[in-house]
Structure formats: structure tokens, C-alpha cells
Amino acid sequence: MENIEKLLKKFREISYLNSALSLLQWDQRTYLPPDSGSDRSEVIGYLSSEYQRKSTSNEIEEIMDKIDQGELNQADKRIYSLIFRNYKKLKNIPPELYLKYTKAISRAQFYWLKAKKEENYEIFKPYLKDNIELSKEIAAANGYIENPYDYFLDTYDYGITERKIENLISTFKDELIDLTKRIFASRQVDDSFLYDNYSTESQKKLCKHILEKFTFDFNNGRYDESEHPFTISITRDDVRITTKFNPNNFTSSLYGTIHECGHALYEMNIDKNYKWTPISQGASFSIHESQSRLLENLIGKSFPFIKYLFDKTKNYFENMQQIKLMDFYKAINAVKKQPIRIEADEVTYNLHIFIRFELESALLKNNINLDDLPKMWNEKMNKYLNIVPKNYSEGILQDIHWAGGKFGYFPSYMLGNLISSQFFQKLLSEKKNAFETVSTGNFEEVIDWLKNNVYKHGALYDTEELIKKVTGHTLSSESFMNYLNIKYSEIYDIS
């Protein structure tokens, strides 16, 4: 046990660096002055290099060599495993390459923001090129030469490969496209009243109220604005979320807030005994996304929640006074040809992911010329959603992920959608009055179930282990498609 304690002591020092980096990154995406991006990239690059150096030190290796895993309990075995995985991946990357990469992704995010604001892809293109080339070098350093995409998929979800994603998509892609077509061919829902002038200040008050109802702890969290909503955990007890307010649609900021709240609650409610260990984080990015999508969609867009929300909106917005409850419910769940992924409905959302999955895989295999990327993006948007973005900011520049080097992250959203349905089906089977309590504004019963079944474990289990532990089943698309078919057949009166 002495050696595992030594290992944890070293990990704690590494965690301090990671917390400092997280704080700098949060500031970069919220309040950093416009002309300070270059200096910030230098600082982040330096601290990232220190993070790599400490994570792969000879001392870390020597301590791990002395540990007999057969003598460890479950938690300590997991701690060893997670530290070793990180050590191995970082050790394979030459320090000069790692420094170059971290500087590049920090710089790219700065120019992505500038490009998006100016609707000018050419500003971002050279920085995207650098990110792609450096990402491929990092994958190659870890032995992923033929398919660098698999390296990044595995980074976000241990054991996941491109082939596994393709096989999973094949189980529901045709059914999802068919459902989408039938909905588009039916009588459309009127959601025009959502697109009105809604006071930003009133939106902030409503969002804060909903965060409080979902038990977001403002003593250990912050709520701010940014160009692209995100959650970042500085430590378990300092978790920060952001959203983007749209004065012409209060549901955009509201559901962005609920989505990020799902991430935050997960981080805030990991067992305190795991603090400053590698278990004090989400099990994987797909499990993380399952928690945000569960709150945003399965709870947040359910009729019981809408029933509660409906009365509250009338307290904040004059525009809502004459709206009827069922019209509001249907409007919130309207299925539309929406070009923006983060504002997409439950039915078409995964179609957005299919587009990104196909493109980023091709990007890392050199199958796309960057000059042609916006055109290919638009062609796929037309293929899957029958729409063409009106500008770069609505199209190729809408997401920050590639600017941040997060190739392989997008499939986590799709996986999260599937997992959230499996989790929620289990929750409802054990808490049969959960929806009834939600309709009265009591969300604690649902959150308590999530705390006890998902949140508290942190990264104690890998993705598929946790799914099996919680639901008794393996990952599948069945629950998700059953949920969509039942819900939207009723809303759109289709068979």
C-alpha cells in the first residue's frame, strides 16, 4: 500500500498542474482580452509540457514497477490502471511534439473564434491544418499509423474503434432516417412563438432557477457566458458551466444550460473519497454526454418537465401569456431542419454526428483537401438534413472541437444519446413515480438515483462496464429508437 500512496502523491501534484491549465482554458474561452491569445498559448504550452513531464517521469515509472496489482483493492487497481494508461500515451509522445501540439490547439481556438465571428473560413484553415497534422503525429507516436482516428476514439472512450462506431450506427441509421422523413412529411409543429424577443436578463433568471432545481451547487460552481457552451472541472469542488444567450429564442440558452448542468452534476457528485485521484472524473466522454443528454432531453423535454416549466416561463416572459401547454410541449420538441448541432432536436441530432464522424475520419486519413472541406460539409448537410448552411459560421465553423484538437469526440454525443436512454429506462423501472415528482418541480428523486447509480462511481468503471452494471444490458440503440418512435409518433400523429 505504501507504493500506491506514493503514486497518488505524485498524481496529486500532476492534478494541481491540470487544475491550473483548466482554469487558464476556462478564462481563455470566457473573459480573456481579445488580443491576449498568443501569450496565453505560450503559457498553456509551457504548463502542458510540465504536465507531460511529470506524468511520464522516471519516478512515476519506478513506483509503478514496484506495485503488485494482485495486492490492490478494486479502487487502487483502477487508480493504477488509469495512471498507467495516461503514462503510456504521454510517454510515447516526444516532448517537443507535445509542446508544439498544445500551443497549436490553444492558438487554433483563438483563431476559430475570430473566424466564426467574421464568417471567414480562410482565417481558421491554416490552424486547422496544423491541428490535423500534429494530431496524426501524436497518433503515429502511439502506433496508430494506418488509422489515427482510432487513437482519438480510444482516448475519449477506452476500447472504442471506428469499426465499432460504424457497426453501431448500422443498427439504427436507416430507421432513424426513415423516422425523420416521416416526420418531415407530416403536418409540422408551430414553434414560431419561441422565436420572439425574450429578455436576456429574464433568460438568465429562468436558467438560474432551473439550475437550482436540478441541485447545481453555486457554492462550488460558476455559471457564465461563452461563444460555445461548455463545462470545465477545475477540481471536483470547482465546476464551471457556460451558455450562450439568444435574445430571439430563450429555449436555446435554457437547454444549453440544462445540458451543461448534466455534465456539472456528474463532476460535482463523484464520491469525495476519490478526490485527487484519477477516478475523480467521468467514466468516459460518452458516459459524460449521456448525463448531459439525459437531463436535457429525457427529462428536460418530457411532458412532466414541460408542465412545470410552462408555468415558470409565464413569470419571466410576457410573450408566453397566451400560449397553451400542449402547444408549448410540441414546440419544444419540434423536429426541424436545423443547421446548428447544439440546437438540433432529439430526432435529427445524431444525423449531425454522422456528418462529423464521416468528415473527421476522412480528415485524419488525408481523404479531404481543406479547400474542399466547407463544400463537403454542406453536401453532407444536404444529404442527411436536406439543408445547406447560409454561411461558414452556420456550417463548418459552428463547432469548437476541431480547433481544440478534439478529433474523435463527436461520436461520444451519439453514444451518449444511446446510453442516456438505457439509463433512463432503468431509472423509470425503479422509480415509477419519477415523472410525477418532476411535474411538481421536485427533481431530487431523479438526481438522487443518478448520484447513486452513475455519479458517485466517477471513473471506477469503463464505459461498457458501467452500462452493464447500471442496466444489466450491453450498449445498444434499441432503447433510444423505441423512445423516439413512441414519443414522436404521438407528437406528429404518424404510424
Protein backbone atom coordinates (compact mmCIF):
# COMPACT_ATOMS: atom_id res chain seq x y z
CA MET A 1 0.00 0.00 0.00
CA GLU A 2 2.97 2.30 0.56
CA ASN A 3 3.75 2.43 -3.16
CA ILE A 4 0.17 3.17 -4.21
CA GLU A 5 0.20 6.05 -1.73
CA LYS A 6 3.44 7.31 -3.28
CA LEU A 7 1.83 7.06 -6.72
CA LEU A 8 -1.20 9.01 -5.54
CA LYS A 9 1.05 11.70 -4.08
CA LYS A 10 2.68 12.13 -7.48
CA PHE A 11 -0.68 12.13 -9.18
CA ARG A 12 -1.89 14.87 -6.84
CA GLU A 13 0.98 17.08 -7.98
CA ILE A 14 0.03 16.36 -11.59
CA SER A 15 -3.60 17.21 -10.77
CA TYR A 16 -2.54 20.62 -9.45
CA LEU A 17 -1.00 21.39 -12.83
CA ASN A 18 -4.07 20.11 -14.63
CA SER A 19 -6.30 22.33 -12.47
CA ALA A 20 -4.18 25.36 -13.33
CA LEU A 21 -4.42 24.50 -17.02
CA SER A 22 -8.18 24.08 -16.77
CA LEU A 23 -8.53 27.48 -15.14
CA LEU A 24 -6.47 29.11 -17.89
CA GLN A 25 -8.55 27.38 -20.55
CA TRP A 26 -11.80 28.46 -18.88
CA ASP A 27 -10.56 32.05 -18.83
CA GLN A 28 -9.45 31.78 -22.46
CA ARG A 29 -12.98 30.86 -23.52
CA THR A 30 -14.78 33.40 -21.33
CA TYR A 31 -13.01 36.60 -20.28
CA LEU A 32 -9.59 36.65 -21.97
CA PRO A 33 -8.95 40.03 -23.68
CA PRO A 34 -9.22 39.76 -27.48
CA ASP A 35 -5.54 40.41 -28.22
CA SER A 36 -4.11 38.18 -25.48
CA GLY A 37 -4.43 34.83 -27.25
CA SER A 38 -0.79 34.49 -28.28
CA ASP A 39 0.61 34.97 -24.78
CA ARG A 40 -1.97 32.59 -23.34
CA SER A 41 -0.95 29.92 -25.85
CA GLU A 42 2.66 30.23 -24.66
CA VAL A 43 1.68 29.80 -21.01
CA ILE A 44 -0.65 26.88 -21.72
CA GLY A 45 2.03 25.25 -23.85
CA TYR A 46 4.60 25.53 -21.07
CA LEU A 47 2.31 24.19 -18.35
CA SER A 48 1.15 21.37 -20.63
CA SER A 49 4.76 20.37 -21.16
CA GLU A 50 5.26 20.31 -17.41
CA TYR A 51 2.13 18.17 -17.12
CA GLN A 52 3.56 15.70 -19.63
CA ARG A 53 6.98 15.71 -17.95
CA LYS A 54 5.56 14.98 -14.51
CA SER A 55 3.12 12.37 -15.85
CA THR A 56 5.91 10.42 -17.55
CA SER A 57 8.76 10.91 -15.07
CA ASN A 58 11.16 8.11 -14.23
CA GLU A 59 9.94 8.35 -10.65
CA ILE A 60 6.36 7.57 -11.72
CA GLU A 61 7.63 4.59 -13.72
CA GLU A 62 9.73 3.30 -10.82
CA ILE A 63 6.83 3.48 -8.40
CA MET A 64 4.50 1.65 -10.80
CA ASP A 65 7.14 -1.07 -11.36
CA LYS A 66 7.12 -1.79 -7.61
CA ILE A 67 3.36 -2.19 -7.35
CA ASP A 68 1.91 -5.71 -7.30
CA GLN A 69 -1.59 -5.28 -8.72
CA GLY A 70 -2.66 -8.58 -7.17
CA GLU A 71 -2.41 -7.00 -3.74
CA LEU A 72 -4.60 -4.00 -4.59
CA ASN A 73 -8.30 -3.50 -3.87
CA GLN A 74 -10.72 -2.57 -6.67
CA ALA A 75 -10.29 1.21 -6.36
CA ASP A 76 -6.49 1.04 -6.14
CA LYS A 77 -6.33 -1.30 -9.14
CA ARG A 78 -8.37 1.21 -11.08
CA ILE A 79 -6.16 4.09 -9.95
CA TYR A 80 -3.09 2.18 -11.13
CA SER A 81 -4.75 1.30 -14.45
CA LEU A 82 -5.83 4.88 -15.24
CA ILE A 83 -2.45 6.38 -14.32
CA PHE A 84 -0.66 3.73 -16.38
CA ARG A 85 -2.87 4.38 -19.44
CA ASN A 86 -2.15 8.09 -19.27
CA TYR A 87 1.55 7.46 -18.64
CA LYS A 88 1.84 5.14 -21.62
CA LYS A 89 0.11 7.50 -24.07
CA LEU A 90 2.05 10.58 -22.96
CA LYS A 91 5.37 8.71 -22.76
CA ASN A 92 5.10 7.78 -26.42
CA ILE A 93 4.79 11.41 -27.50
CA PRO A 94 8.11 13.29 -27.91
CA PRO A 95 8.10 16.30 -25.55
CA GLU A 96 8.80 18.77 -28.36
CA LEU A 97 5.81 17.41 -30.30
CA TYR A 98 3.55 17.63 -27.24
CA LEU A 99 4.59 21.25 -26.66
CA LYS A 100 4.01 22.12 -30.30
CA TYR A 101 0.61 20.43 -30.23
CA THR A 102 -0.67 22.13 -27.06
CA LYS A 103 0.42 25.54 -28.35
CA ALA A 104 -1.26 24.83 -31.69
CA ILE A 105 -4.66 23.87 -30.26
CA SER A 106 -4.64 26.86 -27.93
CA ARG A 107 -3.81 29.16 -30.85
CA ALA A 108 -6.35 27.47 -33.13
CA GLN A 109 -9.20 28.09 -30.67
CA PHE A 110 -8.37 31.79 -30.66
CA TYR A 111 -8.46 31.99 -34.47
CA TRP A 112 -11.53 29.77 -34.70
CA LEU A 113 -13.41 32.32 -32.61
CA LYS A 114 -12.17 35.15 -34.82
CA ALA A 115 -13.09 33.22 -37.98
CA LYS A 116 -16.55 32.38 -36.68
CA LYS A 117 -17.29 35.98 -35.76
CA GLU A 118 -16.14 37.17 -39.16
CA GLU A 119 -17.74 34.23 -41.02
CA ASN A 120 -14.40 33.60 -42.73
CA TYR A 121 -13.16 30.01 -43.01
CA GLU A 122 -9.84 31.13 -44.56
CA ILE A 123 -8.78 32.66 -41.22
CA PHE A 124 -9.10 29.29 -39.48
CA LYS A 125 -7.93 26.95 -42.26
CA PRO A 126 -4.14 27.11 -41.65
CA TYR A 127 -4.62 26.47 -37.93
CA LEU A 128 -6.94 23.55 -38.65
CA LYS A 129 -4.26 22.15 -40.96
CA ASP A 130 -1.67 22.37 -38.16
CA ASN A 131 -4.04 20.62 -35.74
CA ILE A 132 -4.67 17.77 -38.17
CA GLU A 133 -1.01 17.21 -38.96
CA LEU A 134 0.07 17.34 -35.31
CA SER A 135 -2.79 15.06 -34.27
CA LYS A 136 -1.68 12.49 -36.82
CA GLU A 137 1.88 12.69 -35.50
CA ILE A 138 0.66 12.09 -31.95
CA ALA A 139 -1.42 9.11 -33.08
CA ALA A 140 1.54 7.70 -35.01
CA ALA A 141 3.77 8.09 -31.96
CA ASN A 142 1.33 5.78 -30.18
CA GLY A 143 1.39 3.23 -33.00
CA TYR A 144 -1.74 4.36 -34.82
CA ILE A 145 -0.34 4.87 -38.31
CA GLU A 146 -2.94 3.29 -40.61
CA ASN A 147 -5.93 4.73 -38.76
CA PRO A 148 -5.02 7.67 -36.50
CA TYR A 149 -8.74 8.22 -35.87
CA ASP A 150 -8.86 5.10 -33.69
CA TYR A 151 -6.29 6.62 -31.35
CA PHE A 152 -8.53 9.57 -30.55
CA LEU A 153 -11.70 7.50 -30.32
CA ASP A 154 -9.94 5.31 -27.77
CA THR A 155 -8.76 8.39 -25.88
CA TYR A 156 -12.31 9.59 -25.31
CA ASP A 157 -13.87 6.14 -24.90
CA TYR A 158 -11.45 3.36 -23.99
CA GLY A 159 -11.83 0.40 -26.34
CA ILE A 160 -13.97 2.21 -28.92
CA THR A 161 -12.86 1.98 -32.56
CA GLU A 162 -14.12 3.36 -35.85
CA ARG A 163 -15.34 -0.11 -36.81
CA LYS A 164 -17.36 -0.39 -33.58
CA ILE A 165 -18.94 3.01 -34.23
CA GLU A 166 -19.79 2.05 -37.81
CA ASN A 167 -21.35 -1.22 -36.67
CA LEU A 168 -23.43 0.54 -34.02
CA ILE A 169 -24.61 3.21 -36.47
CA SER A 170 -25.68 0.48 -38.89
CA THR A 171 -28.15 -0.85 -36.29
CA PHE A 172 -30.30 2.30 -36.34
CA LYS A 173 -29.22 4.67 -39.12
CA ASP A 174 -31.85 3.57 -41.65
CA GLU A 175 -34.61 3.52 -39.05
CA LEU A 176 -33.64 6.99 -37.83
CA ILE A 177 -33.56 8.43 -41.35
CA ASP A 178 -36.95 6.85 -42.09
CA LEU A 179 -38.46 8.32 -38.91
CA THR A 180 -37.04 11.73 -39.82
CA LYS A 181 -38.52 11.59 -43.33
CA ARG A 182 -41.94 10.58 -42.00
CA ILE A 183 -41.90 13.46 -39.53
CA PHE A 184 -40.87 15.98 -42.19
CA ALA A 185 -43.66 14.68 -44.43
CA SER A 186 -46.30 15.12 -41.71
CA ARG A 187 -48.07 18.25 -40.55
CA GLN A 188 -45.42 20.44 -38.94
CA VAL A 189 -45.50 21.77 -35.39
CA ASP A 190 -45.84 25.54 -34.97
CA ASP A 191 -42.93 26.73 -32.84
CA SER A 192 -42.83 30.29 -34.23
CA PHE A 193 -43.70 31.82 -30.84
CA LEU A 194 -40.38 30.59 -29.47
CA TYR A 195 -38.60 32.93 -31.88
CA ASP A 196 -39.53 36.28 -30.41
CA ASN A 197 -37.88 38.97 -28.33
CA TYR A 198 -37.04 37.37 -24.97
CA SER A 199 -35.16 39.49 -22.46
CA THR A 200 -31.65 38.19 -21.83
CA GLU A 201 -31.93 39.18 -18.19
CA SER A 202 -35.13 37.17 -17.82
CA GLN A 203 -33.46 34.24 -19.56
CA LYS A 204 -30.62 34.36 -17.04
CA LYS A 205 -33.09 34.34 -14.14
CA LEU A 206 -35.00 31.38 -15.58
CA CYS A 207 -31.81 29.42 -16.24
CA LYS A 208 -30.53 30.09 -12.73
CA HIS A 209 -33.85 28.92 -11.28
CA ILE A 210 -33.70 25.67 -13.28
CA LEU A 211 -30.09 25.10 -12.26
CA GLU A 212 -31.09 25.43 -8.63
CA LYS A 213 -33.98 22.99 -9.12
CA PHE A 214 -31.55 20.50 -10.62
CA THR A 215 -29.38 20.92 -7.45
CA PHE A 216 -26.46 22.71 -9.17
CA ASP A 217 -24.32 23.93 -6.27
CA PHE A 218 -23.39 27.59 -6.78
CA ASN A 219 -21.04 27.37 -3.79
CA ASN A 220 -18.89 25.01 -5.84
CA GLY A 221 -19.74 26.17 -9.34
CA ARG A 222 -19.96 29.13 -11.68
CA TYR A 223 -22.37 30.00 -14.49
CA ASP A 224 -21.10 32.28 -17.26
CA GLU A 225 -21.44 33.11 -20.95
CA SER A 226 -19.28 31.98 -23.86
CA GLU A 227 -19.46 31.68 -27.64
CA HIS A 228 -19.81 27.91 -27.38
CA PRO A 229 -21.39 26.39 -24.22
CA PHE A 230 -19.07 24.17 -22.20
CA THR A 231 -18.37 22.66 -18.79
CA ILE A 232 -14.95 22.52 -17.19
CA SER A 233 -13.95 20.96 -13.90
CA ILE A 234 -11.12 22.86 -12.20
CA THR A 235 -11.47 20.40 -9.31
CA ARG A 236 -14.34 18.28 -8.02
CA ASP A 237 -15.38 21.27 -5.90
CA ASP A 238 -14.94 23.92 -8.59
CA VAL A 239 -17.03 23.11 -11.65
CA ARG A 240 -17.91 25.83 -14.17
CA ILE A 241 -20.50 25.92 -16.92
CA THR A 242 -21.38 28.42 -19.61
CA THR A 243 -24.13 29.01 -22.12
CA LYS A 244 -24.83 31.38 -24.99
CA PHE A 245 -27.91 33.60 -24.77
CA ASN A 246 -30.05 34.16 -27.83
CA PRO A 247 -32.41 37.16 -27.39
CA ASN A 248 -34.73 35.67 -30.01
CA ASN A 249 -35.11 32.19 -28.50
CA PHE A 250 -35.00 31.57 -24.75
CA THR A 251 -35.08 27.78 -25.19
CA SER A 252 -31.62 27.87 -26.80
CA SER A 253 -29.92 29.16 -23.65
CA LEU A 254 -32.21 27.15 -21.38
CA TYR A 255 -31.48 23.77 -22.92
CA GLY A 256 -27.81 24.62 -23.38
CA THR A 257 -27.74 25.34 -19.65
CA ILE A 258 -29.53 22.10 -18.76
CA HIS A 259 -27.12 20.16 -20.98
CA GLU A 260 -24.07 21.63 -19.25
CA CYS A 261 -25.75 21.15 -15.86
CA GLY A 262 -25.81 17.41 -16.57
CA HIS A 263 -22.04 17.45 -17.03
CA ALA A 264 -21.54 19.56 -13.92
CA LEU A 265 -23.71 17.42 -11.62
CA TYR A 266 -21.71 14.38 -12.66
CA GLU A 267 -18.40 16.04 -11.72
CA MET A 268 -19.75 17.58 -8.50
CA ASN A 269 -21.16 14.33 -7.15
CA ILE A 270 -18.31 11.88 -7.61
CA ASP A 271 -17.53 10.16 -4.31
CA LYS A 272 -15.34 12.54 -2.27
CA ASN A 273 -13.09 9.63 -1.32
CA TYR A 274 -11.80 9.68 -4.90
CA LYS A 275 -10.81 13.36 -4.85
CA TRP A 276 -7.31 13.99 -6.23
CA THR A 277 -7.27 10.51 -7.80
CA PRO A 278 -7.83 9.66 -11.49
CA ILE A 279 -11.21 8.18 -10.52
CA SER A 280 -12.46 11.70 -9.76
CA GLN A 281 -13.64 12.27 -13.33
CA GLY A 282 -16.28 10.88 -15.65
CA ALA A 283 -16.05 7.22 -16.68
CA SER A 284 -15.68 8.34 -20.29
CA PHE A 285 -16.81 11.09 -22.60
CA SER A 286 -19.79 9.08 -23.82
CA ILE A 287 -20.95 8.47 -20.24
CA HIS A 288 -20.45 12.19 -19.58
CA GLU A 289 -22.56 13.05 -22.62
CA SER A 290 -25.20 10.56 -21.53
CA GLN A 291 -25.65 12.56 -18.34
CA SER A 292 -26.00 15.88 -20.14
CA ARG A 293 -28.35 14.45 -22.76
CA LEU A 294 -30.42 12.69 -20.11
CA LEU A 295 -31.11 15.96 -18.30
CA GLU A 296 -31.51 17.99 -21.49
CA ASN A 297 -33.80 15.62 -23.37
CA LEU A 298 -35.21 12.68 -21.46
CA ILE A 299 -36.10 14.87 -18.50
CA GLY A 300 -35.94 18.41 -19.90
CA LYS A 301 -38.12 17.76 -22.93
CA SER A 302 -40.53 15.36 -21.26
CA PHE A 303 -44.13 16.41 -20.77
CA PRO A 304 -43.86 16.40 -16.92
CA PHE A 305 -40.90 18.79 -17.03
CA ILE A 306 -42.55 20.98 -19.67
CA LYS A 307 -45.64 21.13 -17.47
CA TYR A 308 -43.51 22.54 -14.64
CA LEU A 309 -41.50 24.81 -16.94
CA PHE A 310 -44.61 26.18 -18.66
CA ASP A 311 -45.89 27.98 -15.56
CA LYS A 312 -42.42 29.35 -14.80
CA THR A 313 -42.00 30.85 -18.26
CA LYS A 314 -45.09 32.97 -17.71
CA ASN A 315 -43.38 34.52 -14.68
CA TYR A 316 -40.41 35.57 -16.79
CA PHE A 317 -41.73 36.30 -20.28
CA GLU A 318 -44.74 38.38 -21.25
CA ASN A 319 -44.68 36.71 -24.68
CA MET A 320 -45.76 33.39 -23.15
CA GLN A 321 -49.01 34.54 -21.56
CA GLN A 322 -51.36 33.37 -24.32
CA ILE A 323 -49.57 30.11 -25.18
CA LYS A 324 -51.22 26.78 -24.36
CA LEU A 325 -49.39 23.96 -22.56
CA MET A 326 -49.68 21.33 -25.30
CA ASP A 327 -48.59 23.82 -27.95
CA PHE A 328 -45.54 24.65 -25.81
CA TYR A 329 -44.69 20.96 -25.35
CA LYS A 330 -44.90 20.28 -29.07
CA ALA A 331 -42.90 23.41 -29.92
CA ILE A 332 -40.09 22.40 -27.54
CA ASN A 333 -40.00 19.01 -29.27
CA ALA A 334 -40.39 20.28 -32.83
CA VAL A 335 -38.32 18.33 -35.36
CA LYS A 336 -36.73 20.75 -37.81
CA LYS A 337 -34.12 21.07 -40.50
CA GLN A 338 -31.76 22.81 -38.12
CA PRO A 339 -28.21 23.61 -39.33
CA ILE A 340 -26.79 24.13 -35.80
CA ARG A 341 -25.96 20.91 -33.98
CA ILE A 342 -26.29 22.20 -30.41
CA GLU A 343 -29.81 23.43 -31.19
CA ALA A 344 -30.89 20.29 -33.02
CA ASP A 345 -33.85 18.23 -31.81
CA GLU A 346 -33.58 14.70 -30.44
CA VAL A 347 -34.51 13.05 -33.73
CA THR A 348 -32.08 14.81 -36.09
CA TYR A 349 -29.23 15.32 -33.60
CA ASN A 350 -27.48 12.06 -34.43
CA LEU A 351 -27.62 12.93 -38.13
CA HIS A 352 -25.36 15.87 -37.28
CA ILE A 353 -22.99 13.43 -35.61
CA PHE A 354 -22.95 11.13 -38.63
CA ILE A 355 -21.75 14.09 -40.71
CA ARG A 356 -18.92 14.96 -38.34
CA PHE A 357 -17.95 11.31 -37.85
CA GLU A 358 -17.53 10.81 -41.58
CA LEU A 359 -15.65 14.07 -42.10
CA GLU A 360 -13.19 13.89 -39.23
CA SER A 361 -12.31 10.29 -40.04
CA ALA A 362 -11.55 11.37 -43.62
CA LEU A 363 -9.59 14.41 -42.41
CA LEU A 364 -7.22 12.28 -40.35
CA LYS A 365 -6.72 9.91 -43.29
CA ASN A 366 -5.90 12.74 -45.73
CA ASN A 367 -9.00 11.96 -47.78
CA ILE A 368 -10.17 15.59 -47.82
CA ASN A 369 -8.48 18.69 -49.17
CA LEU A 370 -9.06 21.51 -46.67
CA ASP A 371 -10.03 23.82 -49.52
CA ASP A 372 -12.93 21.47 -50.24
CA LEU A 373 -13.97 20.88 -46.61
CA PRO A 374 -16.73 23.54 -46.42
CA LYS A 375 -18.21 22.23 -49.65
CA MET A 376 -18.16 18.65 -48.40
CA TRP A 377 -19.72 19.75 -45.11
CA ASN A 378 -22.57 21.44 -47.00
CA GLU A 379 -23.05 18.40 -49.25
CA LYS A 380 -23.43 16.12 -46.23
CA MET A 381 -25.79 18.57 -44.54
CA ASN A 382 -27.90 18.47 -47.69
CA LYS A 383 -27.71 14.66 -47.84
CA TYR A 384 -28.71 14.00 -44.24
CA LEU A 385 -30.87 17.02 -43.38
CA ASN A 386 -31.85 18.49 -46.75
CA ILE A 387 -30.45 21.90 -45.82
CA VAL A 388 -27.41 23.99 -46.81
CA PRO A 389 -25.85 26.38 -44.24
CA LYS A 390 -26.09 30.00 -45.31
CA ASN A 391 -22.54 30.86 -44.21
CA TYR A 392 -19.37 29.36 -42.73
CA SER A 393 -20.36 30.19 -39.15
CA GLU A 394 -23.58 28.22 -39.56
CA GLY A 395 -21.66 25.43 -41.26
CA ILE A 396 -18.05 24.33 -40.98
CA LEU A 397 -17.15 26.84 -38.23
CA GLN A 398 -20.04 26.17 -35.85
CA ASP A 399 -18.20 23.75 -33.51
CA ILE A 400 -15.05 24.41 -31.48
CA HIS A 401 -13.98 20.76 -31.28
CA TRP A 402 -11.51 20.59 -34.18
CA ALA A 403 -9.99 23.89 -33.08
CA GLY A 404 -9.36 22.25 -29.70
CA GLY A 405 -7.83 19.16 -31.31
CA LYS A 406 -10.82 17.04 -30.26
CA PHE A 407 -10.99 14.75 -33.27
CA GLY A 408 -12.98 11.69 -32.22
CA TYR A 409 -15.10 13.49 -29.63
CA PHE A 410 -18.26 13.83 -31.74
CA PRO A 411 -19.20 10.12 -31.61
CA SER A 412 -19.35 10.49 -27.82
CA TYR A 413 -22.51 12.57 -28.28
CA MET A 414 -24.16 9.81 -30.28
CA LEU A 415 -23.07 7.17 -27.79
CA GLY A 416 -24.30 9.42 -25.00
CA ASN A 417 -27.75 9.61 -26.61
CA LEU A 418 -27.99 5.82 -26.73
CA ILE A 419 -26.65 5.32 -23.21
CA SER A 420 -28.92 8.00 -21.74
CA SER A 421 -31.98 6.13 -23.00
CA GLN A 422 -30.77 2.88 -21.47
CA PHE A 423 -30.07 4.56 -18.14
CA PHE A 424 -33.39 6.38 -18.11
CA GLN A 425 -35.35 3.24 -18.91
CA LYS A 426 -33.73 1.62 -15.87
CA LEU A 427 -34.40 4.69 -13.71
CA LEU A 428 -38.11 4.65 -14.58
CA SER A 429 -38.36 0.92 -13.87
CA GLU A 430 -37.06 1.53 -10.34
CA LYS A 431 -38.63 4.95 -9.69
CA LYS A 432 -42.11 4.60 -11.11
CA ASN A 433 -43.28 7.99 -9.77
CA ALA A 434 -40.22 9.89 -11.04
CA PHE A 435 -42.14 11.77 -13.73
CA GLU A 436 -44.90 12.65 -11.30
CA THR A 437 -42.40 14.32 -8.97
CA VAL A 438 -40.73 16.12 -11.91
CA SER A 439 -44.07 17.67 -12.93
CA THR A 440 -44.31 19.28 -9.48
CA GLY A 441 -40.80 20.73 -9.69
CA ASN A 442 -39.13 18.10 -7.50
CA PHE A 443 -36.15 16.80 -9.43
CA GLU A 444 -34.25 15.47 -6.43
CA GLU A 445 -35.57 11.91 -6.70
CA VAL A 446 -34.25 11.62 -10.25
CA ILE A 447 -30.95 13.28 -9.37
CA ASP A 448 -30.52 11.05 -6.29
CA TRP A 449 -30.91 7.96 -8.48
CA LEU A 450 -28.24 9.29 -10.82
CA LYS A 451 -25.97 10.11 -7.88
CA ASN A 452 -26.23 6.58 -6.52
CA ASN A 453 -26.04 4.71 -9.82
CA VAL A 454 -23.78 6.84 -12.01
CA TYR A 455 -22.26 9.98 -10.50
CA LYS A 456 -20.65 8.55 -7.37
CA HIS A 457 -18.60 5.96 -9.27
CA GLY A 458 -16.67 8.53 -11.29
CA ALA A 459 -14.17 6.64 -13.46
CA LEU A 460 -14.22 3.47 -11.37
CA TYR A 461 -15.55 1.60 -14.43
CA ASP A 462 -15.02 1.84 -18.18
CA THR A 463 -17.96 2.69 -20.44
CA GLU A 464 -19.31 -0.76 -21.20
CA GLU A 465 -18.70 -2.00 -17.64
CA LEU A 466 -20.77 0.85 -16.20
CA ILE A 467 -23.61 0.37 -18.70
CA LYS A 468 -23.81 -3.32 -17.75
CA LYS A 469 -23.61 -2.52 -14.03
CA VAL A 470 -26.41 0.07 -14.19
CA THR A 471 -28.77 -1.54 -16.70
CA GLY A 472 -27.83 -5.21 -16.83
CA HIS A 473 -27.50 -4.90 -20.63
CA THR A 474 -24.80 -4.09 -23.16
CA LEU A 475 -24.68 -0.90 -25.23
CA SER A 476 -27.34 -0.84 -27.94
CA SER A 477 -29.55 1.51 -29.94
CA GLU A 478 -32.79 -0.32 -29.10
CA SER A 479 -33.92 1.80 -26.11
CA PHE A 480 -33.11 5.01 -27.94
CA MET A 481 -35.11 4.16 -31.07
CA ASN A 482 -38.04 2.81 -29.05
CA TYR A 483 -38.10 6.09 -27.14
CA LEU A 484 -38.02 8.23 -30.29
CA ASN A 485 -40.63 6.17 -32.12
CA ILE A 486 -43.13 6.25 -29.26
CA LYS A 487 -42.68 9.92 -28.36
CA TYR A 488 -42.61 11.42 -31.87
CA SER A 489 -45.30 9.18 -33.33
CA GLU A 490 -47.60 10.73 -30.74
CA ILE A 491 -46.44 14.33 -31.25
CA TYR A 492 -46.64 14.13 -35.06
CA ASP A 493 -49.53 11.66 -35.30
CA ILE A 494 -47.63 9.24 -37.52
CA SER A 495 -47.62 5.45 -37.51
